[in-house]
């Protein structure tokens, strides 16, 4: 990947945020890559020399790395704490390698903790599917080493948290840091999940991969906000326009908030090479054209008869 510097940032900063291109080790995959959509990883490997990313877009990744380094340092030498341990297992001829953040030895087993420097939106949404999978795979690696994990937790740090918003909006996270319990899968569930993920990535490296799922695309559906004149906050949100229109009063109006695949639009480095995204954009464009045509016909049919005759 080529790291650009559009904002002319100082060279030490650019160097710090630049990815070090490690040679892809055959038959080896990290836990973070394992939970990644096979399509994204396969396209990243295939087009690595063509990919570009600006240094300014890597700042949060740098801060996340620095956070992990600082926390690792403070865990060193503390009784019953193990930090940043590397473990591996072999699955279907591949090595699966993972570095967990922190494990605390308790009386009845280990408490496994993962740190996430993330957006407030993610904190409000709760534990993401990939976060849950990541922690459970780490727990499986620890079990394979002959130890016992009985608790999982995620420490989410809202990087864009605002004290002012927390003060005036009770629905906003009231603290910048939130500790969330993560469901613990059975060993059998986790083993089958890992096997299936390895199989998918093995097939993807051969050129066969499934489309990214709505969950993997971080899809937000289109919603319809029922607004009241003179107010900034929606009276209520609806999943369909028809439902919003049914509830609409005389002093209210409807604002469509278009859905989007957040990852595809803003956070996927291989979106320019993704045929799935291209197909979905074309389909969305055609659907919009059809909706506009239907709306024009309906408006024409609703015109007074005298006006239609004059036309």
Protein backbone atom coordinates (compact mmCIF):
# COMPACT_ATOMS: atom_id res chain seq x y z
CA UNK A 1 0.00 0.00 0.00
CA UNK A 2 1.16 3.53 -0.84
CA UNK A 3 0.75 6.13 1.93
CA UNK A 4 0.15 9.65 0.57
CA UNK A 5 0.56 12.98 2.37
CA UNK A 6 -2.06 15.35 0.97
CA UNK A 7 -1.91 17.74 3.95
CA UNK A 8 1.92 17.97 3.94
CA UNK A 9 2.16 16.56 7.46
CA UNK A 10 5.58 16.44 9.16
CA UNK A 11 7.63 13.45 8.04
CA UNK A 12 7.91 11.86 11.53
CA UNK A 13 4.12 11.79 11.75
CA UNK A 14 3.81 10.30 8.27
CA UNK A 15 6.41 7.69 9.16
CA UNK A 16 4.56 6.81 12.37
CA UNK A 17 1.22 6.27 10.66
CA UNK A 18 2.60 4.48 7.60
CA UNK A 19 1.91 0.79 7.48
CA UNK A 20 4.91 -1.47 7.36
CA UNK A 21 4.29 -3.82 4.48
CA UNK A 22 5.07 -7.27 5.79
CA UNK A 23 5.28 -10.07 3.30
CA UNK A 24 2.15 -12.21 3.37
CA UNK A 25 3.11 -15.47 5.06
CA UNK A 26 1.50 -18.38 3.23
CA UNK A 27 -0.93 -20.56 5.16
CA UNK A 28 -1.00 -18.08 8.04
CA UNK A 29 -3.74 -15.72 9.20
CA UNK A 30 -4.13 -13.44 12.21
CA UNK A 31 -7.28 -13.36 14.32
CA UNK A 32 -8.03 -9.80 13.18
CA UNK A 33 -7.77 -10.92 9.54
CA UNK A 34 -9.82 -14.05 10.23
CA UNK A 35 -12.84 -12.02 11.36
CA UNK A 36 -12.41 -9.65 8.40
CA UNK A 37 -14.75 -10.22 5.43
CA UNK A 38 -13.01 -12.69 3.05
CA UNK A 39 -13.76 -10.41 0.10
CA UNK A 40 -11.94 -7.45 1.67
CA UNK A 41 -8.88 -9.48 2.64
CA UNK A 42 -8.66 -11.18 -0.76
CA UNK A 43 -8.94 -7.89 -2.66
CA UNK A 44 -6.37 -6.30 -0.32
CA UNK A 45 -3.87 -9.06 -1.07
CA UNK A 46 -4.59 -8.94 -4.79
CA UNK A 47 -4.36 -5.14 -5.18
CA UNK A 48 -1.89 -4.26 -2.41
CA UNK A 49 0.54 -2.50 -4.79
CA UNK A 50 -2.31 -0.36 -6.18
CA UNK A 51 -3.92 0.70 -2.91
CA UNK A 52 -3.39 4.20 -1.52
CA UNK A 53 -4.30 5.75 1.81
CA UNK A 54 -3.58 9.24 3.07
CA UNK A 55 -1.52 9.70 6.22
CA UNK A 56 -4.21 11.96 7.66
CA UNK A 57 -6.67 9.08 7.60
CA UNK A 58 -4.37 6.93 9.74
CA UNK A 59 -4.25 9.14 12.85
CA UNK A 60 -6.86 7.19 14.82
CA UNK A 61 -5.08 3.92 14.03
CA UNK A 62 -1.84 5.43 15.37
CA UNK A 63 -3.55 6.58 18.57
CA UNK A 64 -5.05 3.12 19.01
CA UNK A 65 -1.60 1.55 18.70
CA UNK A 66 -0.12 4.01 21.21
CA UNK A 67 -2.98 3.29 23.62
CA UNK A 68 -2.31 -0.45 23.46
CA UNK A 69 1.42 0.09 24.02
CA UNK A 70 0.76 2.26 27.07
CA UNK A 71 -1.70 -0.20 28.60
CA UNK A 72 0.65 -3.10 27.91
CA UNK A 73 3.43 -1.30 29.77
CA UNK A 74 1.27 -0.71 32.83
CA UNK A 75 0.27 -4.38 32.93
CA UNK A 76 3.83 -5.66 32.95
CA UNK A 77 4.92 -7.10 36.29
CA UNK A 78 1.45 -6.90 37.86
CA UNK A 79 0.45 -10.08 39.67
CA UNK A 80 -2.14 -12.26 37.88
CA UNK A 81 -2.09 -10.09 34.72
CA UNK A 82 -0.84 -11.22 31.31
CA UNK A 83 -0.72 -8.70 28.45
CA UNK A 84 -0.20 -8.97 24.68
CA UNK A 85 0.60 -12.69 24.71
CA UNK A 86 0.94 -14.32 21.30
CA UNK A 87 -0.72 -17.70 20.82
CA UNK A 88 -1.41 -19.87 17.78
CA UNK A 89 -3.28 -22.97 16.68
CA UNK A 90 -3.41 -24.94 13.44
CA UNK A 91 -6.71 -25.25 11.58
CA UNK A 92 -7.18 -26.91 8.18
CA UNK A 93 -3.47 -26.62 7.43
CA UNK A 94 -3.28 -22.91 8.36
CA UNK A 95 -1.79 -21.23 11.41
CA UNK A 96 -4.18 -18.93 13.24
CA UNK A 97 -2.19 -16.40 15.29
CA UNK A 98 -3.57 -13.99 17.87
CA UNK A 99 -2.39 -11.33 20.36
CA UNK A 100 -4.95 -10.68 23.06
CA UNK A 101 -4.86 -7.41 25.04
CA UNK A 102 -5.18 -8.51 28.65
CA UNK A 103 -5.96 -11.59 30.73
CA UNK A 104 -6.53 -11.54 34.48
CA UNK A 105 -6.27 -14.72 36.50
CA UNK A 106 -9.21 -15.09 38.87
CA UNK A 107 -10.09 -17.85 41.33
CA UNK A 108 -12.27 -19.76 38.87
CA UNK A 109 -10.55 -18.96 35.55
CA UNK A 110 -9.37 -16.05 33.42
CA UNK A 111 -11.07 -12.76 32.58
CA UNK A 112 -10.14 -11.79 29.02
CA UNK A 113 -10.26 -8.08 28.16
CA UNK A 114 -10.03 -6.31 24.81
CA UNK A 115 -9.57 -2.54 24.42
CA UNK A 116 -11.24 -0.60 21.61
CA UNK A 117 -10.63 3.06 20.76
CA UNK A 118 -13.79 3.64 18.79
CA UNK A 119 -16.56 6.09 17.92
CA UNK A 120 -19.38 6.98 20.28
CA UNK A 121 -21.78 5.59 17.67
CA UNK A 122 -20.17 2.16 18.09
CA UNK A 123 -20.43 2.41 21.88
CA UNK A 124 -24.15 3.23 21.60
CA UNK A 125 -24.69 0.23 19.32
CA UNK A 126 -23.16 -2.17 21.85
CA UNK A 127 -20.76 -5.03 21.16
CA UNK A 128 -20.20 -5.50 17.43
CA UNK A 129 -20.43 -8.99 15.96
CA UNK A 130 -16.77 -9.00 14.94
CA UNK A 131 -15.68 -7.86 18.42
CA UNK A 132 -17.57 -10.73 20.00
CA UNK A 133 -16.00 -13.19 17.54
CA UNK A 134 -12.52 -11.79 18.10
CA UNK A 135 -12.64 -12.20 21.87
CA UNK A 136 -14.06 -15.70 21.64
CA UNK A 137 -11.30 -16.76 19.25
CA UNK A 138 -8.70 -15.41 21.70
CA UNK A 139 -10.41 -17.43 24.44
CA UNK A 140 -10.15 -20.51 22.22
CA UNK A 141 -6.41 -19.94 21.74
CA UNK A 142 -5.99 -19.73 25.52
CA UNK A 143 -7.98 -22.94 26.00
CA UNK A 144 -5.76 -24.63 23.43
CA UNK A 145 -2.80 -23.64 25.62
CA UNK A 146 -4.34 -25.61 28.50
CA UNK A 147 -5.94 -22.74 30.42
CA UNK A 148 -9.54 -21.79 31.23
CA UNK A 149 -11.40 -18.60 30.29
CA UNK A 150 -14.79 -18.00 31.86
CA UNK A 151 -15.38 -14.27 31.33
CA UNK A 152 -15.00 -11.87 28.40
CA UNK A 153 -15.26 -8.10 28.46
CA UNK A 154 -14.67 -5.19 26.14
CA UNK A 155 -13.46 -1.77 27.27
CA UNK A 156 -14.73 0.73 24.68
CA UNK A 157 -13.20 4.22 24.73
CA UNK A 158 -15.25 6.79 22.82
CA UNK A 159 -12.64 8.75 20.92
CA UNK A 160 -15.13 11.45 19.84
CA UNK A 161 -17.06 11.59 23.13
CA UNK A 162 -18.38 15.01 24.16
CA UNK A 163 -18.98 16.03 27.77
CA UNK A 164 -21.34 18.78 26.58
CA UNK A 165 -23.52 16.32 24.66
CA UNK A 166 -23.60 13.97 27.64
CA UNK A 167 -24.79 16.82 29.84
CA UNK A 168 -27.73 17.78 27.65
CA UNK A 169 -28.72 14.44 26.09
CA UNK A 170 -29.52 11.56 28.43
CA UNK A 171 -29.59 9.18 25.46
CA UNK A 172 -25.93 9.96 24.77
CA UNK A 173 -23.26 7.83 26.55
CA UNK A 174 -22.72 9.46 29.93
CA UNK A 175 -19.12 8.29 30.27
CA UNK A 176 -16.28 8.25 27.74
CA UNK A 177 -15.27 4.71 28.72
CA UNK A 178 -17.74 1.84 28.83
CA UNK A 179 -17.07 -1.71 30.02
CA UNK A 180 -19.28 -4.24 28.25
CA UNK A 181 -19.68 -7.94 29.01
CA UNK A 182 -19.24 -10.16 25.95
CA UNK A 183 -21.07 -13.49 25.54
CA UNK A 184 -18.80 -16.52 25.93
CA UNK A 185 -19.28 -19.18 23.24
CA UNK A 186 -18.90 -22.87 23.91
CA UNK A 187 -15.61 -24.47 22.80
CA UNK A 188 -17.52 -26.44 20.14
CA UNK A 189 -19.20 -23.31 18.73
CA UNK A 190 -15.91 -21.44 18.59
CA UNK A 191 -14.03 -24.29 16.95
CA UNK A 192 -16.65 -24.65 14.21
CA UNK A 193 -16.66 -20.88 13.66
CA UNK A 194 -12.87 -20.80 13.26
CA UNK A 195 -12.91 -23.75 10.86
CA UNK A 196 -15.54 -22.09 8.69
CA UNK A 197 -13.71 -18.75 8.65
CA UNK A 198 -10.45 -20.43 7.66
CA UNK A 199 -12.26 -22.29 4.87
CA UNK A 200 -13.79 -19.05 3.56
CA UNK A 201 -10.43 -17.26 3.52
CA UNK A 202 -8.74 -20.22 1.86
CA UNK A 203 -11.36 -20.15 -0.89
CA UNK A 204 -11.03 -16.36 -1.16
CA UNK A 205 -7.30 -16.62 -1.79
CA UNK A 206 -8.20 -18.87 -4.73
CA UNK A 207 -10.54 -16.19 -6.11
CA UNK A 208 -13.87 -17.41 -4.70
CA UNK A 209 -15.49 -15.34 -1.97
CA UNK A 210 -19.02 -14.50 -0.80
CA UNK A 211 -20.44 -10.99 -0.91
CA UNK A 212 -20.04 -8.98 2.26
CA UNK A 213 -23.11 -9.22 4.47
CA UNK A 214 -25.11 -6.17 5.63
CA UNK A 215 -23.53 -6.61 9.06
CA UNK A 216 -20.03 -6.71 7.54
CA UNK A 217 -20.85 -3.58 5.52
CA UNK A 218 -22.03 -1.79 8.70
CA UNK A 219 -25.31 -1.09 6.93
CA UNK A 220 -27.65 1.58 8.25
CA UNK A 221 -31.17 1.33 6.80
CA UNK A 222 -33.10 4.24 5.34
CA UNK A 223 -35.34 5.83 7.94
CA UNK A 224 -38.00 8.50 7.77
CA UNK A 225 -37.93 11.21 10.42
CA UNK A 226 -41.20 12.85 11.34
CA UNK A 227 -40.28 16.46 12.11
CA UNK A 228 -42.27 19.30 13.69
CA UNK A 229 -41.89 22.83 12.44
CA UNK A 230 -39.63 24.85 14.72
CA UNK A 231 -37.98 21.76 16.28
CA UNK A 232 -34.62 20.25 15.36
CA UNK A 233 -35.17 16.82 16.94
CA UNK A 234 -37.41 14.27 15.22
CA UNK A 235 -40.78 13.54 16.79
CA UNK A 236 -40.39 9.89 15.83
CA UNK A 237 -38.45 7.73 13.38
CA UNK A 238 -40.11 5.27 10.99
CA UNK A 239 -38.79 2.43 8.87
CA UNK A 240 -41.15 3.16 5.97
CA UNK A 241 -42.38 6.35 4.36
CA UNK A 242 -45.97 5.07 4.43
CA UNK A 243 -45.85 4.69 8.21
CA UNK A 244 -44.47 8.21 8.60
CA UNK A 245 -47.17 9.65 6.31
CA UNK A 246 -49.89 7.83 8.27
CA UNK A 247 -48.71 9.44 11.51
CA UNK A 248 -48.03 12.87 10.01
CA UNK A 249 -49.97 15.84 11.44
CA UNK A 250 -50.65 19.18 9.75
CA UNK A 251 -47.72 20.96 11.41
CA UNK A 252 -45.28 18.14 10.68
CA UNK A 253 -43.13 17.16 7.73
CA UNK A 254 -41.06 14.11 6.76
CA UNK A 255 -37.32 13.99 6.18
CA UNK A 256 -35.81 10.95 4.50
CA UNK A 257 -32.50 9.90 6.00
CA UNK A 258 -30.98 7.66 3.32
CA UNK A 259 -29.42 4.41 4.42
CA UNK A 260 -25.84 3.60 3.60
CA UNK A 261 -23.20 0.93 3.92
CA UNK A 262 -20.87 2.87 6.21
CA UNK A 263 -17.86 0.62 5.77
CA UNK A 264 -18.15 0.58 1.98
CA UNK A 265 -18.58 4.33 1.64
CA UNK A 266 -16.00 5.53 4.15
CA UNK A 267 -13.77 2.82 5.61
CA UNK A 268 -13.05 0.16 2.99
CA UNK A 269 -9.67 0.53 1.29
CA UNK A 270 -10.62 -1.81 -1.58
CA UNK A 271 -14.01 -0.28 -2.42
CA UNK A 272 -12.64 0.85 -5.79
CA UNK A 273 -12.05 -2.78 -6.76
CA UNK A 274 -15.29 -4.20 -5.33
CA UNK A 275 -17.73 -5.58 -7.90
CA UNK A 276 -20.39 -6.02 -5.22
CA UNK A 277 -20.36 -2.31 -4.41
CA UNK A 278 -20.50 -1.46 -8.11
CA UNK A 279 -23.55 -3.70 -8.61
CA UNK A 280 -25.33 -2.30 -5.58
CA UNK A 281 -24.75 1.31 -6.65
CA UNK A 282 -26.10 0.57 -10.13
CA UNK A 283 -29.16 -1.15 -8.65
CA UNK A 284 -29.76 1.76 -6.26
CA UNK A 285 -29.53 4.25 -9.14
CA UNK A 286 -32.03 2.29 -11.24
CA UNK A 287 -34.42 2.00 -8.29
CA UNK A 288 -34.24 5.75 -7.70
CA UNK A 289 -35.00 6.42 -11.37
CA UNK A 290 -38.00 4.09 -11.17
CA UNK A 291 -39.30 5.77 -8.00
CA UNK A 292 -38.98 9.20 -9.64
CA UNK A 293 -40.89 7.99 -12.71
CA UNK A 294 -43.69 6.56 -10.59
CA UNK A 295 -43.90 9.77 -8.56
CA UNK A 296 -44.16 11.86 -11.75
CA UNK A 297 -46.99 9.66 -13.04
CA UNK A 298 -48.83 9.86 -9.72
CA UNK A 299 -48.51 13.64 -9.61
CA UNK A 300 -49.82 13.87 -13.17
CA UNK A 301 -52.82 11.67 -12.34
CA UNK A 302 -53.59 13.82 -9.29
CA UNK A 303 -53.77 17.05 -11.31
CA UNK A 304 -57.27 18.60 -11.73
CA UNK A 305 -59.04 17.43 -14.92
CA UNK A 306 -59.24 20.98 -16.33
CA UNK A 307 -55.49 21.44 -15.99
CA UNK A 308 -54.80 18.10 -17.72
CA UNK A 309 -57.06 19.12 -20.63
CA UNK A 310 -55.22 22.41 -21.07
CA UNK A 311 -51.96 20.43 -21.34
